[in-house]
Amino acid sequence: LYPPMLENKNEDYYAGVNGQQYNTCPIDVEKGTEKVYKQYPLFKNVARKGQIGIVNPGDLLFVPSKWWHFVRSIDHFNISVNVWWR
């Protein structure tokens, strides 16, 4: 999880670049920091603010509005539900 952009600094997350939607980020956080920083040097401004968690069977993870997140399934069967509302 990464906190929302501060002061609308989309450039730190490279949001909406190369024709992507404004709420998507092209950064592959599993690539390794050296490769990521070389390709996306501004990401250093927010990378240390990221948090890692593991959700176990029966757990629920609430991702607050506008928080950037990445999900990796470590089991062979998973269910994910995403609801956007205003």
N, C-alpha and C. Protein backbone atom coordinates (compact mmCIF):
# COMPACT_ATOMS: atom_id res chain seq x y z
N LEU A 1 0.84 -1.18 0.00
CA LEU A 1 0.00 0.00 0.00
C LEU A 1 0.88 1.24 0.00
N TYR A 2 0.49 2.19 -0.78
CA TYR A 2 1.20 3.47 -0.83
C TYR A 2 0.19 4.58 -0.58
N PRO A 3 0.54 5.58 0.22
CA PRO A 3 -0.41 6.64 0.54
C PRO A 3 -0.81 7.45 -0.68
N PRO A 4 -1.96 8.14 -0.58
CA PRO A 4 -2.41 8.97 -1.70
C PRO A 4 -1.37 10.02 -2.05
N MET A 5 -1.47 10.51 -3.25
CA MET A 5 -0.54 11.54 -3.71
C MET A 5 -0.70 12.79 -2.85
N LEU A 6 0.39 13.36 -2.46
CA LEU A 6 0.36 14.61 -1.72
C LEU A 6 0.50 15.77 -2.69
N GLU A 7 -0.33 16.77 -2.51
CA GLU A 7 -0.28 17.97 -3.36
C GLU A 7 -0.40 17.61 -4.84
N ASN A 8 -1.20 16.59 -5.15
CA ASN A 8 -1.45 16.18 -6.54
C ASN A 8 -0.18 15.90 -7.32
N LYS A 9 0.78 15.27 -6.69
CA LYS A 9 2.05 14.97 -7.36
C LYS A 9 1.95 13.65 -8.12
N ASN A 10 1.16 13.66 -9.19
CA ASN A 10 1.02 12.46 -10.03
C ASN A 10 2.34 11.96 -10.55
N GLU A 11 3.28 12.87 -10.74
CA GLU A 11 4.54 12.46 -11.37
C GLU A 11 5.34 11.49 -10.51
N ASP A 12 5.19 11.51 -9.18
CA ASP A 12 5.92 10.57 -8.33
C ASP A 12 5.47 9.13 -8.55
N TYR A 13 4.21 8.94 -8.92
CA TYR A 13 3.67 7.61 -9.18
C TYR A 13 3.59 7.30 -10.67
N TYR A 14 3.93 8.27 -11.49
CA TYR A 14 3.85 8.13 -12.94
C TYR A 14 2.43 7.75 -13.36
N ALA A 15 1.47 8.31 -12.66
CA ALA A 15 0.06 8.01 -12.95
C ALA A 15 -0.36 8.65 -14.27
N GLY A 16 -1.07 7.88 -15.06
CA GLY A 16 -1.62 8.39 -16.30
C GLY A 16 -0.61 8.63 -17.41
N VAL A 17 0.57 8.03 -17.32
CA VAL A 17 1.57 8.23 -18.37
C VAL A 17 1.38 7.21 -19.49
N ASN A 18 1.90 7.53 -20.64
CA ASN A 18 1.87 6.62 -21.80
C ASN A 18 0.46 6.13 -22.14
N GLY A 19 -0.50 7.03 -22.02
CA GLY A 19 -1.87 6.70 -22.40
C GLY A 19 -2.66 5.92 -21.36
N GLN A 20 -2.09 5.68 -20.18
CA GLN A 20 -2.81 4.96 -19.14
C GLN A 20 -3.84 5.88 -18.48
N GLN A 21 -4.80 5.29 -17.79
CA GLN A 21 -5.77 6.08 -17.05
C GLN A 21 -5.08 6.84 -15.93
N TYR A 22 -5.71 7.91 -15.47
CA TYR A 22 -5.11 8.75 -14.43
C TYR A 22 -4.94 8.00 -13.10
N ASN A 23 -5.68 6.93 -12.90
CA ASN A 23 -5.62 6.21 -11.63
C ASN A 23 -4.85 4.89 -11.75
N THR A 24 -4.00 4.77 -12.74
CA THR A 24 -3.17 3.58 -12.88
C THR A 24 -1.69 3.98 -12.89
N CYS A 25 -0.87 3.05 -12.49
CA CYS A 25 0.56 3.29 -12.37
C CYS A 25 1.31 2.17 -13.07
N PRO A 26 2.27 2.48 -13.92
CA PRO A 26 2.99 1.44 -14.67
C PRO A 26 4.12 0.75 -13.90
N ILE A 27 4.37 1.16 -12.68
CA ILE A 27 5.53 0.66 -11.93
C ILE A 27 5.30 -0.76 -11.43
N ASP A 28 6.25 -1.65 -11.74
CA ASP A 28 6.21 -3.03 -11.26
C ASP A 28 7.06 -3.10 -9.99
N VAL A 29 6.41 -3.09 -8.84
CA VAL A 29 7.14 -3.04 -7.57
C VAL A 29 7.91 -4.32 -7.27
N GLU A 30 7.66 -5.38 -8.03
CA GLU A 30 8.39 -6.63 -7.82
C GLU A 30 9.67 -6.70 -8.65
N LYS A 31 9.91 -5.70 -9.44
CA LYS A 31 11.07 -5.68 -10.34
C LYS A 31 12.40 -5.53 -9.61
N GLY A 32 12.37 -4.97 -8.43
CA GLY A 32 13.60 -4.66 -7.70
C GLY A 32 13.87 -3.17 -7.75
N THR A 33 14.30 -2.61 -6.65
CA THR A 33 14.42 -1.16 -6.55
C THR A 33 15.37 -0.53 -7.57
N GLU A 34 16.50 -1.18 -7.84
CA GLU A 34 17.44 -0.58 -8.80
C GLU A 34 16.81 -0.40 -10.17
N LYS A 35 16.16 -1.43 -10.66
CA LYS A 35 15.52 -1.34 -11.98
C LYS A 35 14.38 -0.34 -11.98
N VAL A 36 13.58 -0.36 -10.92
CA VAL A 36 12.45 0.57 -10.84
C VAL A 36 12.95 2.00 -10.78
N TYR A 37 13.92 2.28 -9.93
CA TYR A 37 14.43 3.65 -9.79
C TYR A 37 15.10 4.14 -11.07
N LYS A 38 15.73 3.23 -11.79
CA LYS A 38 16.37 3.63 -13.05
C LYS A 38 15.31 4.06 -14.07
N GLN A 39 14.23 3.30 -14.14
CA GLN A 39 13.18 3.62 -15.09
C GLN A 39 12.25 4.72 -14.60
N TYR A 40 12.01 4.77 -13.27
CA TYR A 40 11.09 5.75 -12.68
C TYR A 40 11.75 6.44 -11.49
N PRO A 41 12.71 7.33 -11.73
CA PRO A 41 13.47 7.93 -10.64
C PRO A 41 12.64 8.72 -9.62
N LEU A 42 11.54 9.31 -10.01
CA LEU A 42 10.72 10.08 -9.07
C LEU A 42 10.01 9.20 -8.05
N PHE A 43 9.90 7.90 -8.34
CA PHE A 43 9.23 6.98 -7.41
C PHE A 43 9.99 6.89 -6.08
N LYS A 44 11.27 7.26 -6.07
CA LYS A 44 12.04 7.27 -4.82
C LYS A 44 11.38 8.16 -3.78
N ASN A 45 10.67 9.20 -4.24
CA ASN A 45 10.02 10.14 -3.32
C ASN A 45 8.94 9.48 -2.47
N VAL A 46 8.36 8.38 -2.94
CA VAL A 46 7.26 7.74 -2.21
C VAL A 46 7.54 6.29 -1.85
N ALA A 47 8.55 5.68 -2.42
CA ALA A 47 8.79 4.24 -2.23
C ALA A 47 8.93 3.84 -0.77
N ARG A 48 9.59 4.63 0.02
CA ARG A 48 9.80 4.28 1.43
C ARG A 48 8.53 4.39 2.26
N LYS A 49 7.51 5.00 1.72
CA LYS A 49 6.24 5.14 2.43
C LYS A 49 5.34 3.93 2.24
N GLY A 50 5.75 2.99 1.40
CA GLY A 50 4.95 1.80 1.13
C GLY A 50 4.89 0.87 2.33
N GLN A 51 3.78 0.14 2.42
CA GLN A 51 3.57 -0.82 3.50
C GLN A 51 3.22 -2.17 2.90
N ILE A 52 3.70 -3.23 3.53
CA ILE A 52 3.44 -4.59 3.05
C ILE A 52 2.62 -5.33 4.10
N GLY A 53 1.66 -6.12 3.64
CA GLY A 53 0.86 -6.92 4.56
C GLY A 53 0.49 -8.24 3.92
N ILE A 54 0.19 -9.21 4.74
CA ILE A 54 -0.28 -10.51 4.26
C ILE A 54 -1.67 -10.73 4.82
N VAL A 55 -2.59 -11.06 3.93
CA VAL A 55 -3.97 -11.33 4.31
C VAL A 55 -4.14 -12.84 4.36
N ASN A 56 -4.53 -13.35 5.50
CA ASN A 56 -4.71 -14.79 5.70
C ASN A 56 -6.15 -15.20 5.43
N PRO A 57 -6.40 -16.51 5.29
CA PRO A 57 -7.78 -16.97 5.07
C PRO A 57 -8.73 -16.40 6.12
N GLY A 58 -9.85 -15.88 5.65
CA GLY A 58 -10.85 -15.29 6.54
C GLY A 58 -10.62 -13.82 6.83
N ASP A 59 -9.46 -13.28 6.45
CA ASP A 59 -9.16 -11.87 6.67
C ASP A 59 -9.77 -11.01 5.57
N LEU A 60 -9.90 -9.75 5.85
CA LEU A 60 -10.39 -8.78 4.90
C LEU A 60 -9.44 -7.59 4.94
N LEU A 61 -9.11 -7.06 3.80
CA LEU A 61 -8.25 -5.88 3.73
C LEU A 61 -9.06 -4.74 3.15
N PHE A 62 -9.15 -3.65 3.89
CA PHE A 62 -9.82 -2.45 3.41
C PHE A 62 -8.76 -1.50 2.90
N VAL A 63 -8.87 -1.11 1.65
CA VAL A 63 -7.93 -0.16 1.06
C VAL A 63 -8.65 1.18 0.98
N PRO A 64 -8.19 2.17 1.74
CA PRO A 64 -8.85 3.48 1.73
C PRO A 64 -8.82 4.14 0.35
N SER A 65 -9.72 5.03 0.15
CA SER A 65 -9.84 5.76 -1.11
C SER A 65 -8.52 6.40 -1.51
N LYS A 66 -8.19 6.24 -2.77
CA LYS A 66 -7.01 6.85 -3.40
C LYS A 66 -5.67 6.31 -2.93
N TRP A 67 -5.66 5.22 -2.17
CA TRP A 67 -4.40 4.58 -1.80
C TRP A 67 -3.98 3.68 -2.95
N TRP A 68 -2.72 3.78 -3.36
CA TRP A 68 -2.18 2.93 -4.41
C TRP A 68 -1.92 1.56 -3.80
N HIS A 69 -2.20 0.51 -4.56
CA HIS A 69 -1.99 -0.83 -4.02
C HIS A 69 -1.61 -1.81 -5.13
N PHE A 70 -0.95 -2.85 -4.70
CA PHE A 70 -0.51 -3.93 -5.58
C PHE A 70 -0.85 -5.23 -4.86
N VAL A 71 -1.37 -6.21 -5.58
CA VAL A 71 -1.78 -7.47 -4.96
C VAL A 71 -1.07 -8.63 -5.65
N ARG A 72 -0.52 -9.51 -4.85
CA ARG A 72 0.09 -10.73 -5.36
C ARG A 72 -0.55 -11.90 -4.59
N SER A 73 -1.15 -12.82 -5.30
CA SER A 73 -1.76 -13.99 -4.67
C SER A 73 -0.68 -15.03 -4.43
N ILE A 74 -0.63 -15.56 -3.21
CA ILE A 74 0.40 -16.56 -2.90
C ILE A 74 -0.20 -17.96 -2.74
N ASP A 75 -1.50 -18.08 -2.92
CA ASP A 75 -2.16 -19.36 -2.84
C ASP A 75 -2.77 -19.66 -4.21
N HIS A 76 -3.15 -20.89 -4.45
CA HIS A 76 -3.68 -21.26 -5.76
C HIS A 76 -5.14 -20.84 -5.96
N PHE A 77 -5.88 -20.56 -4.89
CA PHE A 77 -7.28 -20.14 -5.02
C PHE A 77 -7.50 -18.88 -4.20
N ASN A 78 -7.99 -17.84 -4.86
CA ASN A 78 -8.24 -16.56 -4.19
C ASN A 78 -9.49 -15.93 -4.75
N ILE A 79 -10.13 -15.12 -3.94
CA ILE A 79 -11.27 -14.34 -4.38
C ILE A 79 -11.00 -12.90 -4.00
N SER A 80 -11.19 -12.02 -4.97
CA SER A 80 -10.98 -10.60 -4.73
C SER A 80 -12.23 -9.85 -5.19
N VAL A 81 -12.70 -8.94 -4.37
CA VAL A 81 -13.87 -8.14 -4.71
C VAL A 81 -13.49 -6.67 -4.59
N ASN A 82 -13.81 -5.93 -5.61
CA ASN A 82 -13.51 -4.50 -5.61
C ASN A 82 -14.82 -3.75 -5.82
N VAL A 83 -15.10 -2.81 -4.96
CA VAL A 83 -16.32 -2.01 -5.07
C VAL A 83 -15.92 -0.55 -5.02
N TRP A 84 -16.36 0.20 -6.03
CA TRP A 84 -16.13 1.64 -6.05
C TRP A 84 -17.48 2.31 -5.86
N TRP A 85 -17.57 3.20 -4.96
CA TRP A 85 -18.81 3.95 -4.79
C TRP A 85 -18.48 5.39 -4.46
N ARG A 86 -19.48 6.24 -4.60
CA ARG A 86 -19.31 7.68 -4.30
C ARG A 86 -20.27 8.09 -3.23
